[in-house]
PDB file of all heavy atoms in Angstrom:
ATOM      1  N   GLY A   1      37.178  28.632 111.525  1.00  0.00           N
ATOM      2  CA  GLY A   1      35.838  28.228 111.919  1.00  0.00           C
ATOM      3  C   GLY A   1      34.892  29.378 112.162  1.00  0.00           C
ATOM      4  O   GLY A   1      33.734  29.173 112.533  1.00  0.00           O
ATOM      5  N   SER A   2      35.362  30.580 111.932  1.00  0.00           N
ATOM      6  CA  SER A   2      34.588  31.769 112.275  1.00  0.00           C
ATOM      7  C   SER A   2      33.878  32.363 111.069  1.00  0.00           C
ATOM      8  O   SER A   2      34.369  32.291 109.948  1.00  0.00           O
ATOM      9  CB  SER A   2      35.504  32.838 112.877  1.00  0.00           C
ATOM     10  OG  SER A   2      36.125  32.358 114.053  1.00  0.00           O
ATOM     11  N   VAL A   3      32.728  32.974 111.347  1.00  0.00           N
ATOM     12  CA  VAL A   3      32.063  33.791 110.332  1.00  0.00           C
ATOM     13  C   VAL A   3      32.743  35.156 110.379  1.00  0.00           C
ATOM     14  O   VAL A   3      32.792  35.792 111.424  1.00  0.00           O
ATOM     15  CB  VAL A   3      30.562  33.946 110.605  1.00  0.00           C
ATOM     16  CG1 VAL A   3      29.913  34.802 109.518  1.00  0.00           C
ATOM     17  CG2 VAL A   3      29.895  32.580 110.694  1.00  0.00           C
ATOM     18  N   MET A   4      33.247  35.583 109.245  1.00  0.00           N
ATOM     19  CA  MET A   4      33.941  36.867 109.175  1.00  0.00           C
ATOM     20  C   MET A   4      33.098  37.867 108.400  1.00  0.00           C
ATOM     21  O   MET A   4      32.252  37.499 107.574  1.00  0.00           O
ATOM     22  CB  MET A   4      35.297  36.711 108.505  1.00  0.00           C
ATOM     23  CG  MET A   4      36.270  35.848 109.293  1.00  0.00           C
ATOM     24  SD  MET A   4      36.584  36.503 110.950  1.00  0.00           S
ATOM     25  CE  MET A   4      37.287  38.113 110.554  1.00  0.00           C
ATOM     26  N   ALA A   5      33.320  39.133 108.685  1.00  0.00           N
ATOM     27  CA  ALA A   5      32.510  40.169 108.055  1.00  0.00           C
ATOM     28  C   ALA A   5      33.301  41.431 107.823  1.00  0.00           C
ATOM     29  O   ALA A   5      34.300  41.694 108.499  1.00  0.00           O
ATOM     30  CB  ALA A   5      31.303  40.490 108.935  1.00  0.00           C
ATOM     31  N   TRP A   6      32.842  42.184 106.876  1.00  0.00           N
ATOM     32  CA  TRP A   6      33.301  43.555 106.673  1.00  0.00           C
ATOM     33  C   TRP A   6      32.165  44.484 107.075  1.00  0.00           C
ATOM     34  O   TRP A   6      30.993  44.238 106.744  1.00  0.00           O
ATOM     35  CB  TRP A   6      33.684  43.815 105.218  1.00  0.00           C
ATOM     36  CG  TRP A   6      35.030  43.265 104.860  1.00  0.00           C
ATOM     37  CD1 TRP A   6      35.309  42.071 104.270  1.00  0.00           C
ATOM     38  CD2 TRP A   6      36.296  43.904 105.071  1.00  0.00           C
ATOM     39  NE1 TRP A   6      36.663  41.919 104.105  1.00  0.00           N
ATOM     40  CE2 TRP A   6      37.296  43.051 104.586  1.00  0.00           C
ATOM     41  CE3 TRP A   6      36.687  45.133 105.618  1.00  0.00           C
ATOM     42  CZ2 TRP A   6      38.656  43.358 104.626  1.00  0.00           C
ATOM     43  CZ3 TRP A   6      38.034  45.449 105.668  1.00  0.00           C
ATOM     44  CH2 TRP A   6      39.004  44.563 105.178  1.00  0.00           C
ATOM     45  N   TYR A   7      32.547  45.554 107.774  1.00  0.00           N
ATOM     46  CA  TYR A   7      31.633  46.596 108.183  1.00  0.00           C
ATOM     47  C   TYR A   7      32.179  47.919 107.656  1.00  0.00           C
ATOM     48  O   TYR A   7      33.342  48.023 107.295  1.00  0.00           O
ATOM     49  CB  TYR A   7      31.552  46.689 109.714  1.00  0.00           C
ATOM     50  CG  TYR A   7      31.115  45.427 110.417  1.00  0.00           C
ATOM     51  CD1 TYR A   7      32.016  44.386 110.645  1.00  0.00           C
ATOM     52  CD2 TYR A   7      29.807  45.281 110.883  1.00  0.00           C
ATOM     53  CE1 TYR A   7      31.621  43.235 111.306  1.00  0.00           C
ATOM     54  CE2 TYR A   7      29.411  44.129 111.551  1.00  0.00           C
ATOM     55  CZ  TYR A   7      30.323  43.111 111.758  1.00  0.00           C
ATOM     56  OH  TYR A   7      29.933  41.974 112.418  1.00  0.00           O
ATOM     57  N   ARG A   8      31.334  48.935 107.662  1.00  0.00           N
ATOM     58  CA  ARG A   8      31.821  50.266 107.306  1.00  0.00           C
ATOM     59  C   ARG A   8      31.070  51.318 108.101  1.00  0.00           C
ATOM     60  O   ARG A   8      29.932  51.106 108.522  1.00  0.00           O
ATOM     61  CB  ARG A   8      31.681  50.540 105.815  1.00  0.00           C
ATOM     62  CG  ARG A   8      30.256  50.638 105.302  1.00  0.00           C
ATOM     63  CD  ARG A   8      30.255  50.781 103.775  1.00  0.00           C
ATOM     64  NE  ARG A   8      28.903  50.904 103.235  1.00  0.00           N
ATOM     65  CZ  ARG A   8      28.620  50.924 101.935  1.00  0.00           C
ATOM     66  NH1 ARG A   8      29.605  50.809 101.038  1.00  0.00           N
ATOM     67  NH2 ARG A   8      27.375  51.036 101.533  1.00  0.00           N
ATOM     68  N   GLN A   9      31.736  52.438 108.294  1.00  0.00           N
ATOM     69  CA  GLN A   9      31.132  53.563 109.000  1.00  0.00           C
ATOM     70  C   GLN A   9      31.438  54.840 108.262  1.00  0.00           C
ATOM     71  O   GLN A   9      32.608  55.233 108.154  1.00  0.00           O
ATOM     72  CB  GLN A   9      31.625  53.632 110.442  1.00  0.00           C
ATOM     73  CG  GLN A   9      30.902  54.670 111.274  1.00  0.00           C
ATOM     74  CD  GLN A   9      31.173  54.531 112.758  1.00  0.00           C
ATOM     75  OE1 GLN A   9      32.151  53.923 113.182  1.00  0.00           O
ATOM     76  NE2 GLN A   9      30.289  55.095 113.567  1.00  0.00           N
ATOM     77  N   ALA A  10      30.399  55.458 107.755  1.00  0.00           N
ATOM     78  CA  ALA A  10      30.534  56.741 107.071  1.00  0.00           C
ATOM     79  C   ALA A  10      30.431  57.869 108.091  1.00  0.00           C
ATOM     80  O   ALA A  10      29.854  57.686 109.168  1.00  0.00           O
ATOM     81  CB  ALA A  10      29.453  56.878 106.010  1.00  0.00           C
ATOM     82  N   PRO A  11      30.975  59.033 107.776  1.00  0.00           N
ATOM     83  CA  PRO A  11      30.909  60.160 108.709  1.00  0.00           C
ATOM     84  C   PRO A  11      29.485  60.471 109.142  1.00  0.00           C
ATOM     85  O   PRO A  11      28.583  60.580 108.300  1.00  0.00           O
ATOM     86  CB  PRO A  11      31.504  61.314 107.898  1.00  0.00           C
ATOM     87  CG  PRO A  11      32.382  60.659 106.905  1.00  0.00           C
ATOM     88  CD  PRO A  11      31.705  59.370 106.549  1.00  0.00           C
ATOM     89  N   GLY A  12      29.268  60.554 110.432  1.00  0.00           N
ATOM     90  CA  GLY A  12      27.956  60.899 110.954  1.00  0.00           C
ATOM     91  C   GLY A  12      26.942  59.782 110.924  1.00  0.00           C
ATOM     92  O   GLY A  12      25.766  59.999 111.241  1.00  0.00           O
ATOM     93  N   LYS A  13      27.368  58.578 110.544  1.00  0.00           N
ATOM     94  CA  LYS A  13      26.442  57.457 110.452  1.00  0.00           C
ATOM     95  C   LYS A  13      26.897  56.310 111.346  1.00  0.00           C
ATOM     96  O   LYS A  13      28.059  56.243 111.745  1.00  0.00           O
ATOM     97  CB  LYS A  13      26.316  56.972 109.006  1.00  0.00           C
ATOM     98  CG  LYS A  13      25.685  57.986 108.070  1.00  0.00           C
ATOM     99  CD  LYS A  13      25.444  57.382 106.708  1.00  0.00           C
ATOM    100  CE  LYS A  13      24.746  58.361 105.787  1.00  0.00           C
ATOM    101  NZ  LYS A  13      24.472  57.758 104.448  1.00  0.00           N
ATOM    102  N   GLN A  14      25.981  55.395 111.626  1.00  0.00           N
ATOM    103  CA  GLN A  14      26.325  54.221 112.417  1.00  0.00           C
ATOM    104  C   GLN A  14      27.078  53.209 111.553  1.00  0.00           C
ATOM    105  O   GLN A  14      26.941  53.189 110.322  1.00  0.00           O
ATOM    106  CB  GLN A  14      25.053  53.579 112.975  1.00  0.00           C
ATOM    107  CG  GLN A  14      24.390  54.381 114.076  1.00  0.00           C
ATOM    108  CD  GLN A  14      23.305  53.600 114.783  1.00  0.00           C
ATOM    109  OE1 GLN A  14      22.701  52.694 114.216  1.00  0.00           O
ATOM    110  NE2 GLN A  14      23.059  53.928 116.045  1.00  0.00           N
ATOM    111  N   ARG A  15      27.858  52.395 112.224  1.00  0.00           N
ATOM    112  CA  ARG A  15      28.562  51.324 111.535  1.00  0.00           C
ATOM    113  C   ARG A  15      27.535  50.351 110.963  1.00  0.00           C
ATOM    114  O   ARG A  15      26.562  50.002 111.637  1.00  0.00           O
ATOM    115  CB  ARG A  15      29.487  50.624 112.508  1.00  0.00           C
ATOM    116  CG  ARG A  15      30.455  49.632 111.891  1.00  0.00           C
ATOM    117  CD  ARG A  15      31.450  49.147 112.943  1.00  0.00           C
ATOM    118  NE  ARG A  15      32.380  50.203 113.313  1.00  0.00           N
ATOM    119  CZ  ARG A  15      33.101  50.205 114.416  1.00  0.00           C
ATOM    120  NH1 ARG A  15      32.982  49.214 115.277  1.00  0.00           N
ATOM    121  NH2 ARG A  15      33.939  51.177 114.672  1.00  0.00           N
ATOM    122  N   GLU A  16      27.756  49.905 109.734  1.00  0.00           N
ATOM    123  CA  GLU A  16      26.825  48.988 109.099  1.00  0.00           C
ATOM    124  C   GLU A  16      27.553  47.760 108.564  1.00  0.00           C
ATOM    125  O   GLU A  16      28.727  47.822 108.201  1.00  0.00           O
ATOM    126  CB  GLU A  16      26.072  49.676 107.950  1.00  0.00           C
ATOM    127  CG  GLU A  16      26.942  50.131 106.802  1.00  0.00           C
ATOM    128  CD  GLU A  16      26.136  50.629 105.610  1.00  0.00           C
ATOM    129  OE1 GLU A  16      24.915  50.382 105.545  1.00  0.00           O
ATOM    130  OE2 GLU A  16      26.754  51.259 104.716  1.00  0.00           O
ATOM    131  N   LEU A  17      26.810  46.657 108.511  1.00  0.00           N
ATOM    132  CA  LEU A  17      27.354  45.413 107.993  1.00  0.00           C
ATOM    133  C   LEU A  17      27.336  45.447 106.469  1.00  0.00           C
ATOM    134  O   LEU A  17      26.311  45.769 105.861  1.00  0.00           O
ATOM    135  CB  LEU A  17      26.514  44.235 108.507  1.00  0.00           C
ATOM    136  CG  LEU A  17      26.923  42.841 108.060  1.00  0.00           C
ATOM    137  CD1 LEU A  17      28.295  42.487 108.602  1.00  0.00           C
ATOM    138  CD2 LEU A  17      25.880  41.830 108.539  1.00  0.00           C
ATOM    139  N   VAL A  18      28.470  45.104 105.872  1.00  0.00           N
ATOM    140  CA  VAL A  18      28.590  45.140 104.412  1.00  0.00           C
ATOM    141  C   VAL A  18      28.498  43.738 103.811  1.00  0.00           C
ATOM    142  O   VAL A  18      27.773  43.521 102.838  1.00  0.00           O
ATOM    143  CB  VAL A  18      29.927  45.791 104.001  1.00  0.00           C
ATOM    144  CG1 VAL A  18      30.135  45.709 102.499  1.00  0.00           C
ATOM    145  CG2 VAL A  18      29.980  47.243 104.481  1.00  0.00           C
ATOM    146  N   ALA A  19      29.248  42.784 104.374  1.00  0.00           N
ATOM    147  CA  ALA A  19      29.287  41.437 103.810  1.00  0.00           C
ATOM    148  C   ALA A  19      29.773  40.459 104.870  1.00  0.00           C
ATOM    149  O   ALA A  19      30.506  40.834 105.778  1.00  0.00           O
ATOM    150  CB  ALA A  19      30.213  41.400 102.599  1.00  0.00           C
ATOM    151  N   THR A  20      29.349  39.207 104.723  1.00  0.00           N
ATOM    152  CA  THR A  20      29.808  38.138 105.611  1.00  0.00           C
ATOM    153  C   THR A  20      30.224  36.929 104.785  1.00  0.00           C
ATOM    154  O   THR A  20      29.765  36.745 103.646  1.00  0.00           O
ATOM    155  CB  THR A  20      28.718  37.690 106.606  1.00  0.00           C
ATOM    156  OG1 THR A  20      27.668  37.033 105.895  1.00  0.00           O
ATOM    157  CG2 THR A  20      28.141  38.876 107.368  1.00  0.00           C
ATOM    158  N   ILE A  21      31.070  36.102 105.411  1.00  0.00           N
ATOM    159  CA  ILE A  21      31.476  34.847 104.789  1.00  0.00           C
ATOM    160  C   ILE A  21      31.671  33.825 105.896  1.00  0.00           C
ATOM    161  O   ILE A  21      32.350  34.095 106.889  1.00  0.00           O
ATOM    162  CB  ILE A  21      32.752  35.028 103.929  1.00  0.00           C
ATOM    163  CG1 ILE A  21      33.116  33.725 103.211  1.00  0.00           C
ATOM    164  CG2 ILE A  21      33.925  35.556 104.759  1.00  0.00           C
ATOM    165  CD1 ILE A  21      34.164  33.922 102.122  1.00  0.00           C
ATOM    166  N   ASN A  22      31.068  32.648 105.741  1.00  0.00           N
ATOM    167  CA  ASN A  22      31.208  31.637 106.791  1.00  0.00           C
ATOM    168  C   ASN A  22      32.272  30.615 106.406  1.00  0.00           C
ATOM    169  O   ASN A  22      32.940  30.731 105.373  1.00  0.00           O
ATOM    170  CB  ASN A  22      29.859  30.990 107.107  1.00  0.00           C
ATOM    171  CG  ASN A  22      29.306  30.156 105.967  1.00  0.00           C
ATOM    172  OD1 ASN A  22      30.016  29.819 105.014  1.00  0.00           O
ATOM    173  ND2 ASN A  22      28.037  29.824 106.059  1.00  0.00           N
ATOM    174  N   LYS A  23      32.410  29.590 107.246  1.00  0.00           N
ATOM    175  CA  LYS A  23      33.481  28.615 107.024  1.00  0.00           C
ATOM    176  C   LYS A  23      33.228  27.756 105.798  1.00  0.00           C
ATOM    177  O   LYS A  23      34.153  27.123 105.288  1.00  0.00           O
ATOM    178  CB  LYS A  23      33.671  27.748 108.262  1.00  0.00           C
ATOM    179  CG  LYS A  23      32.461  26.884 108.615  1.00  0.00           C
ATOM    180  CD  LYS A  23      32.771  26.074 109.857  1.00  0.00           C
ATOM    181  CE  LYS A  23      31.597  25.181 110.246  1.00  0.00           C
ATOM    182  NZ  LYS A  23      31.910  24.374 111.457  1.00  0.00           N
ATOM    183  N   PHE A  24      31.984  27.750 105.321  1.00  0.00           N
ATOM    184  CA  PHE A  24      31.662  27.015 104.096  1.00  0.00           C
ATOM    185  C   PHE A  24      31.763  27.910 102.864  1.00  0.00           C
ATOM    186  O   PHE A  24      31.380  27.520 101.768  1.00  0.00           O
ATOM    187  CB  PHE A  24      30.249  26.424 104.209  1.00  0.00           C
ATOM    188  CG  PHE A  24      30.066  25.530 105.390  1.00  0.00           C
ATOM    189  CD1 PHE A  24      29.257  25.919 106.446  1.00  0.00           C
ATOM    190  CD2 PHE A  24      30.708  24.311 105.459  1.00  0.00           C
ATOM    191  CE1 PHE A  24      29.088  25.099 107.548  1.00  0.00           C
ATOM    192  CE2 PHE A  24      30.543  23.474 106.557  1.00  0.00           C
ATOM    193  CZ  PHE A  24      29.739  23.878 107.604  1.00  0.00           C
ATOM    194  N   VAL A  25      32.269  29.113 103.072  1.00  0.00           N
ATOM    195  CA  VAL A  25      32.446  30.117 102.017  1.00  0.00           C
ATOM    196  C   VAL A  25      31.100  30.560 101.447  1.00  0.00           C
ATOM    197  O   VAL A  25      31.014  30.963 100.285  1.00  0.00           O
ATOM    198  CB  VAL A  25      33.396  29.624 100.896  1.00  0.00           C
ATOM    199  CG1 VAL A  25      34.007  30.829 100.165  1.00  0.00           C
ATOM    200  CG2 VAL A  25      34.521  28.773 101.449  1.00  0.00           C
ATOM    201  N   SER A  26      30.077  30.470 102.263  1.00  0.00           N
ATOM    202  CA  SER A  26      28.788  31.034 101.892  1.00  0.00           C
ATOM    203  C   SER A  26      28.808  32.510 102.267  1.00  0.00           C
ATOM    204  O   SER A  26      29.280  32.877 103.344  1.00  0.00           O
ATOM    205  CB  SER A  26      27.667  30.321 102.639  1.00  0.00           C
ATOM    206  OG  SER A  26      26.427  30.886 102.341  1.00  0.00           O
ATOM    207  N   THR A  27      28.304  33.343 101.371  1.00  0.00           N
ATOM    208  CA  THR A  27      28.422  34.792 101.561  1.00  0.00           C
ATOM    209  C   THR A  27      27.061  35.475 101.603  1.00  0.00           C
ATOM    210  O   THR A  27      26.073  34.978 101.055  1.00  0.00           O
ATOM    211  CB  THR A  27      29.245  35.422 100.433  1.00  0.00           C
ATOM    212  OG1 THR A  27      28.617  35.140  99.180  1.00  0.00           O
ATOM    213  CG2 THR A  27      30.661  34.865 100.413  1.00  0.00           C
ATOM    214  N   THR A  28      27.031  36.628 102.267  1.00  0.00           N
ATOM    215  CA  THR A  28      25.865  37.510 102.249  1.00  0.00           C
ATOM    216  C   THR A  28      26.358  38.929 102.027  1.00  0.00           C
ATOM    217  O   THR A  28      27.494  39.261 102.369  1.00  0.00           O
ATOM    218  CB  THR A  28      25.066  37.456 103.561  1.00  0.00           C
ATOM    219  OG1 THR A  28      25.855  38.003 104.622  1.00  0.00           O
ATOM    220  CG2 THR A  28      24.662  36.039 103.912  1.00  0.00           C
ATOM    221  N   TYR A  29      25.479  39.759 101.473  1.00  0.00           N
ATOM    222  CA  TYR A  29      25.846  41.138 101.168  1.00  0.00           C
ATOM    223  C   TYR A  29      24.702  42.083 101.499  1.00  0.00           C
ATOM    224  O   TYR A  29      23.526  41.734 101.360  1.00  0.00           O
ATOM    225  CB  TYR A  29      26.184  41.288  99.681  1.00  0.00           C
ATOM    226  CG  TYR A  29      27.382  40.484  99.250  1.00  0.00           C
ATOM    227  CD1 TYR A  29      27.234  39.199  98.742  1.00  0.00           C
ATOM    228  CD2 TYR A  29      28.673  41.016  99.368  1.00  0.00           C
ATOM    229  CE1 TYR A  29      28.328  38.448  98.373  1.00  0.00           C
ATOM    230  CE2 TYR A  29      29.773  40.266  98.990  1.00  0.00           C
ATOM    231  CZ  TYR A  29      29.601  38.983  98.497  1.00  0.00           C
ATOM    232  OH  TYR A  29      30.696  38.247  98.129  1.00  0.00           O
ATOM    233  N   ALA A  30      25.060  43.295 101.900  1.00  0.00           N
ATOM    234  CA  ALA A  30      24.066  44.345 102.031  1.00  0.00           C
ATOM    235  C   ALA A  30      23.525  44.673 100.641  1.00  0.00           C
ATOM    236  O   ALA A  30      24.251  44.581  99.648  1.00  0.00           O
ATOM    237  CB  ALA A  30      24.699  45.587 102.649  1.00  0.00           C
ATOM    238  N   ASP A  31      22.266  45.039 100.581  1.00  0.00           N
ATOM    239  CA  ASP A  31      21.657  45.334  99.282  1.00  0.00           C
ATOM    240  C   ASP A  31      22.430  46.421  98.533  1.00  0.00           C
ATOM    241  O   ASP A  31      22.514  46.394  97.304  1.00  0.00           O
ATOM    242  CB  ASP A  31      20.208  45.782  99.475  1.00  0.00           C
ATOM    243  CG  ASP A  31      19.297  44.631  99.852  1.00  0.00           C
ATOM    244  OD1 ASP A  31      19.692  43.459  99.666  1.00  0.00           O
ATOM    245  OD2 ASP A  31      18.187  44.898 100.341  1.00  0.00           O
ATOM    246  N   SER A  32      22.985  47.353  99.261  1.00  0.00           N
ATOM    247  CA  SER A  32      23.662  48.494  98.638  1.00  0.00           C
ATOM    248  C   SER A  32      24.939  48.112  97.904  1.00  0.00           C
ATOM    249  O   SER A  32      25.438  48.888  97.086  1.00  0.00           O
ATOM    250  CB  SER A  32      23.975  49.559  99.690  1.00  0.00           C
ATOM    251  OG  SER A  32      24.788  49.022 100.719  1.00  0.00           O
ATOM    252  N   VAL A  33      25.487  46.918  98.193  1.00  0.00           N
ATOM    253  CA  VAL A  33      26.757  46.526  97.565  1.00  0.00           C
ATOM    254  C   VAL A  33      26.637  45.264  96.727  1.00  0.00           C
ATOM    255  O   VAL A  33      27.603  44.853  96.083  1.00  0.00           O
ATOM    256  CB  VAL A  33      27.871  46.345  98.614  1.00  0.00           C
ATOM    257  CG1 VAL A  33      28.000  47.593  99.486  1.00  0.00           C
ATOM    258  CG2 VAL A  33      27.657  45.110  99.461  1.00  0.00           C
ATOM    259  N   LYS A  34      25.465  44.633  96.711  1.00  0.00           N
ATOM    260  CA  LYS A  34      25.273  43.400  95.939  1.00  0.00           C
ATOM    261  C   LYS A  34      25.623  43.615  94.478  1.00  0.00           C
ATOM    262  O   LYS A  34      25.220  44.601  93.871  1.00  0.00           O
ATOM    263  CB  LYS A  34      23.830  42.926  96.066  1.00  0.00           C
ATOM    264  CG  LYS A  34      23.549  42.097  97.289  1.00  0.00           C
ATOM    265  CD  LYS A  34      22.098  41.631  97.302  1.00  0.00           C
ATOM    266  CE  LYS A  34      21.804  40.867  98.572  1.00  0.00           C
ATOM    267  NZ  LYS A  34      20.371  40.492  98.664  1.00  0.00           N
ATOM    268  N   GLY A  35      26.381  42.672  93.947  1.00  0.00           N
ATOM    269  CA  GLY A  35      26.770  42.747  92.545  1.00  0.00           C
ATOM    270  C   GLY A  35      28.001  43.593  92.291  1.00  0.00           C
ATOM    271  O   GLY A  35      28.545  43.586  91.179  1.00  0.00           O
ATOM    272  N   ARG A  36      28.456  44.322  93.311  1.00  0.00           N
ATOM    273  CA  ARG A  36      29.640  45.176  93.155  1.00  0.00           C
ATOM    274  C   ARG A  36      30.804  44.737  94.039  1.00  0.00           C
ATOM    275  O   ARG A  36      31.963  44.888  93.650  1.00  0.00           O
ATOM    276  CB  ARG A  36      29.287  46.632  93.478  1.00  0.00           C
ATOM    277  CG  ARG A  36      28.192  47.222  92.612  1.00  0.00           C
ATOM    278  CD  ARG A  36      28.031  48.723  92.868  1.00  0.00           C
ATOM    279  NE  ARG A  36      27.629  49.019  94.234  1.00  0.00           N
ATOM    280  CZ  ARG A  36      28.337  49.778  95.067  1.00  0.00           C
ATOM    281  NH1 ARG A  36      29.492  50.310  94.685  1.00  0.00           N
ATOM    282  NH2 ARG A  36      27.894  50.020  96.293  1.00  0.00           N
ATOM    283  N   PHE A  37      30.485  44.235  95.226  1.00  0.00           N
ATOM    284  CA  PHE A  37      31.512  43.821  96.177  1.00  0.00           C
ATOM    285  C   PHE A  37      31.551  42.297  96.264  1.00  0.00           C
ATOM    286  O   PHE A  37      30.529  41.622  96.084  1.00  0.00           O
ATOM    287  CB  PHE A  37      31.214  44.363  97.565  1.00  0.00           C
ATOM    288  CG  PHE A  37      31.382  45.843  97.721  1.00  0.00           C
ATOM    289  CD1 PHE A  37      31.551  46.689  96.633  1.00  0.00           C
ATOM    290  CD2 PHE A  37      31.369  46.418  98.992  1.00  0.00           C
ATOM    291  CE1 PHE A  37      31.698  48.059  96.792  1.00  0.00           C
ATOM    292  CE2 PHE A  37      31.519  47.775  99.175  1.00  0.00           C
ATOM    293  CZ  PHE A  37      31.678  48.602  98.072  1.00  0.00           C
ATOM    294  N   ARG A  38      32.740  41.768  96.576  1.00  0.00           N
ATOM    295  CA  ARG A  38      32.886  40.326  96.769  1.00  0.00           C
ATOM    296  C   ARG A  38      33.801  40.066  97.952  1.00  0.00           C
ATOM    297  O   ARG A  38      34.943  40.521  97.967  1.00  0.00           O
ATOM    298  CB  ARG A  38      33.425  39.645  95.525  1.00  0.00           C
ATOM    299  CG  ARG A  38      33.448  38.117  95.632  1.00  0.00           C
ATOM    300  CD  ARG A  38      33.850  37.499  94.308  1.00  0.00           C
ATOM    301  NE  ARG A  38      35.237  37.794  93.955  1.00  0.00           N
ATOM    302  CZ  ARG A  38      36.279  37.060  94.348  1.00  0.00           C
ATOM    303  NH1 ARG A  38      36.090  35.997  95.108  1.00  0.00           N
ATOM    304  NH2 ARG A  38      37.500  37.387  93.963  1.00  0.00           N
ATOM    305  N   ILE A  39      33.299  39.307  98.925  1.00  0.00           N
ATOM    306  CA  ILE A  39      34.091  38.949 100.102  1.00  0.00           C
ATOM    307  C   ILE A  39      34.694  37.575  99.879  1.00  0.00           C
ATOM    308  O   ILE A  39      34.062  36.693  99.274  1.00  0.00           O
ATOM    309  CB  ILE A  39      33.220  38.984 101.383  1.00  0.00           C
ATOM    310  CG1 ILE A  39      34.081  38.805 102.634  1.00  0.00           C
ATOM    311  CG2 ILE A  39      32.091  37.967 101.314  1.00  0.00           C
ATOM    312  CD1 ILE A  39      33.305  39.031 103.939  1.00  0.00           C
ATOM    313  N   SER A  40      35.915  37.398 100.341  1.00  0.00           N
ATOM    314  CA  SER A  40      36.581  36.100 100.243  1.00  0.00           C
ATOM    315  C   SER A  40      37.498  35.929 101.449  1.00  0.00           C
ATOM    316  O   SER A  40      37.724  36.879 102.208  1.00  0.00           O
ATOM    317  CB  SER A  40      37.369  35.989  98.934  1.00  0.00           C
ATOM    318  OG  SER A  40      38.363  36.990  98.848  1.00  0.00           O
ATOM    319  N   ARG A  41      38.014  34.704 101.621  1.00  0.00           N
ATOM    320  CA  ARG A  41      38.885  34.443 102.757  1.00  0.00           C
ATOM    321  C   ARG A  41      39.985  33.473 102.368  1.00  0.00           C
ATOM    322  O   ARG A  41      39.824  32.659 101.465  1.00  0.00           O
ATOM    323  CB  ARG A  41      38.064  33.897 103.930  1.00  0.00           C
ATOM    324  CG  ARG A  41      37.452  32.532 103.685  1.00  0.00           C
ATOM    325  CD  ARG A  41      36.428  32.180 104.762  1.00  0.00           C
ATOM    326  NE  ARG A  41      37.033  32.097 106.086  1.00  0.00           N
ATOM    327  CZ  ARG A  41      36.334  32.169 107.218  1.00  0.00           C
ATOM    328  NH1 ARG A  41      35.021  32.314 107.195  1.00  0.00           N
ATOM    329  NH2 ARG A  41      36.951  32.060 108.380  1.00  0.00           N
TER     330      ARG A  41
END
């Protein structure tokens, strides 16, 4: 029932949100990874 997400943190930078997926398998992506990354559960 949870919205799950992937985050990433590069050296010297703040942690950023990469992608999310909700219980309906609806997904969102950061602009920097759209079309290249795919989140699933």
